[in-house]
Amino acid sequence: MEHFICMQDGTQPHRMHAFFRVLHEHFGNRVLALYYPRQYDCGLDSPTMSPDINPCDFLWNLSQRQSVSESTSRNRGVTVGN
């Protein structure tokens, strides 16, 4: 595990001392988490409201935007009337 960096999502249950203790035992200073450096004076504090760095989320959002864009362009010029 020494080659991994842990990025925690910052939800309230994941900011508890017991959770940080487990992260510290396994990752030491290789933790990117909201309020983690305040507890252990190491690691990186993630910015509040930071975007996820999950490629699956990125690709999912991209495909949704593309799908909406394509359906919008197909519906242009179609008028609904009486």
C-alpha atoms as a PDB file:
ATOM      1  CA  MET A   1       0.000   0.000   0.000  1.00  0.00           C
ATOM      2  CA  GLU A   2       3.006   2.311   0.134  1.00  0.00           C
ATOM      3  CA  HIS A   3       2.519   3.241  -3.528  1.00  0.00           C
ATOM      4  CA  PHE A   4      -1.084   4.380  -3.099  1.00  0.00           C
ATOM      5  CA  ILE A   5      -2.560   7.721  -2.095  1.00  0.00           C
ATOM      6  CA  CYS A   6      -5.924   7.776  -0.382  1.00  0.00           C
ATOM      7  CA  MET A   7      -8.423  10.434  -1.475  1.00  0.00           C
ATOM      8  CA  GLN A   8     -11.387  10.611   0.851  1.00  0.00           C
ATOM      9  CA  ASP A   9     -14.714  12.158  -0.167  1.00  0.00           C
ATOM     10  CA  GLY A  10     -15.219  14.449   2.836  1.00  0.00           C
ATOM     11  CA  THR A  11     -18.662  13.271   3.921  1.00  0.00           C
ATOM     12  CA  GLN A  12     -19.389  13.752   7.615  1.00  0.00           C
ATOM     13  CA  PRO A  13     -18.962  10.074   8.698  1.00  0.00           C
ATOM     14  CA  HIS A  14     -15.597   9.946   6.909  1.00  0.00           C
ATOM     15  CA  ARG A  15     -14.273  12.884   8.928  1.00  0.00           C
ATOM     16  CA  MET A  16     -14.553  11.159  12.307  1.00  0.00           C
ATOM     17  CA  HIS A  17     -11.431  10.595  14.371  1.00  0.00           C
ATOM     18  CA  ALA A  18     -11.796   6.793  14.240  1.00  0.00           C
ATOM     19  CA  PHE A  19     -11.906   6.860  10.436  1.00  0.00           C
ATOM     20  CA  PHE A  20      -8.875   9.164  10.253  1.00  0.00           C
ATOM     21  CA  ARG A  21      -7.005   6.836  12.600  1.00  0.00           C
ATOM     22  CA  VAL A  22      -7.540   3.922  10.175  1.00  0.00           C
ATOM     23  CA  LEU A  23      -6.389   6.081   7.251  1.00  0.00           C
ATOM     24  CA  HIS A  24      -3.323   7.168   9.197  1.00  0.00           C
ATOM     25  CA  GLU A  25      -2.410   3.572  10.079  1.00  0.00           C
ATOM     26  CA  HIS A  26      -2.585   2.450   6.452  1.00  0.00           C
ATOM     27  CA  PHE A  27      -1.552   5.541   4.471  1.00  0.00           C
ATOM     28  CA  GLY A  28       0.354   7.850   6.856  1.00  0.00           C
ATOM     29  CA  ASN A  29       0.985  11.159   5.088  1.00  0.00           C
ATOM     30  CA  ARG A  30      -0.400   9.906   1.737  1.00  0.00           C
ATOM     31  CA  VAL A  31      -3.954  11.063   2.453  1.00  0.00           C
ATOM     32  CA  LEU A  32      -5.908  13.773   0.652  1.00  0.00           C
ATOM     33  CA  ALA A  33      -8.866  14.463   2.928  1.00  0.00           C
ATOM     34  CA  LEU A  34     -10.836  17.348   4.335  1.00  0.00           C
ATOM     35  CA  TYR A  35      -9.585  18.143   7.898  1.00  0.00           C
ATOM     36  CA  TYR A  36      -7.089  15.238   7.931  1.00  0.00           C
ATOM     37  CA  PRO A  37      -3.989  17.473   8.311  1.00  0.00           C
ATOM     38  CA  ARG A  38      -5.570  19.153  11.347  1.00  0.00           C
ATOM     39  CA  GLN A  39      -5.661  15.803  13.155  1.00  0.00           C
ATOM     40  CA  TYR A  40      -2.270  14.364  12.201  1.00  0.00           C
ATOM     41  CA  ASP A  41      -0.233  17.320  10.923  1.00  0.00           C
ATOM     42  CA  CYS A  42       0.490  15.473   7.668  1.00  0.00           C
ATOM     43  CA  GLY A  43      -1.256  14.700   4.415  1.00  0.00           C
ATOM     44  CA  LEU A  44      -3.098  17.193   2.241  1.00  0.00           C
ATOM     45  CA  ASP A  45      -6.309  19.041   3.020  1.00  0.00           C
ATOM     46  CA  SER A  46      -8.709  18.701   0.109  1.00  0.00           C
ATOM     47  CA  PRO A  47     -10.503  21.889  -0.854  1.00  0.00           C
ATOM     48  CA  THR A  48     -14.140  22.199   0.119  1.00  0.00           C
ATOM     49  CA  MET A  49     -16.536  21.332  -2.721  1.00  0.00           C
ATOM     50  CA  SER A  50     -13.687  19.976  -4.855  1.00  0.00           C
ATOM     51  CA  PRO A  51     -14.719  17.927  -7.891  1.00  0.00           C
ATOM     52  CA  ASP A  52     -14.201  14.196  -7.853  1.00  0.00           C
ATOM     53  CA  ILE A  53     -11.168  12.855  -9.657  1.00  0.00           C
ATOM     54  CA  ASN A  54     -12.952   9.658 -10.582  1.00  0.00           C
ATOM     55  CA  PRO A  55     -12.642   8.896 -14.322  1.00  0.00           C
ATOM     56  CA  CYS A  56     -15.894   6.903 -14.267  1.00  0.00           C
ATOM     57  CA  ASP A  57     -17.841   9.940 -13.004  1.00  0.00           C
ATOM     58  CA  PHE A  58     -16.186  12.132 -15.633  1.00  0.00           C
ATOM     59  CA  LEU A  59     -17.032   9.738 -18.479  1.00  0.00           C
ATOM     60  CA  TRP A  60     -20.590   9.228 -17.204  1.00  0.00           C
ATOM     61  CA  ASN A  61     -21.214  12.996 -17.099  1.00  0.00           C
ATOM     62  CA  LEU A  62     -19.642  13.429 -20.533  1.00  0.00           C
ATOM     63  CA  SER A  63     -21.859  10.733 -22.051  1.00  0.00           C
ATOM     64  CA  GLN A  64     -24.966  12.256 -20.458  1.00  0.00           C
ATOM     65  CA  ARG A  65     -24.134  15.717 -21.830  1.00  0.00           C
ATOM     66  CA  GLN A  66     -23.472  14.245 -25.285  1.00  0.00           C
ATOM     67  CA  SER A  67     -26.757  12.316 -25.211  1.00  0.00           C
ATOM     68  CA  VAL A  68     -28.746  15.411 -24.220  1.00  0.00           C
ATOM     69  CA  SER A  69     -26.975  17.466 -26.882  1.00  0.00           C
ATOM     70  CA  GLU A  70     -27.745  14.903 -29.597  1.00  0.00           C
ATOM     71  CA  SER A  71     -31.425  14.604 -28.633  1.00  0.00           C
ATOM     72  CA  THR A  72     -31.736  18.398 -28.556  1.00  0.00           C
ATOM     73  CA  SER A  73     -30.219  18.752 -32.028  1.00  0.00           C
ATOM     74  CA  ARG A  74     -32.559  16.043 -33.399  1.00  0.00           C
ATOM     75  CA  ASN A  75     -35.582  17.855 -31.993  1.00  0.00           C
ATOM     76  CA  ARG A  76     -34.674  21.254 -33.446  1.00  0.00           C
ATOM     77  CA  GLY A  77     -37.004  22.352 -36.155  1.00  0.00           C
ATOM     78  CA  VAL A  78     -39.798  20.098 -34.949  1.00  0.00           C
ATOM     79  CA  THR A  79     -42.774  22.149 -33.905  1.00  0.00           C
ATOM     80  CA  VAL A  80     -45.721  20.936 -31.964  1.00  0.00           C
ATOM     81  CA  GLY A  81     -48.888  22.625 -33.053  1.00  0.00           C
ATOM     82  CA  ASN A  82     -52.594  22.263 -33.337  1.00  0.00           C
END
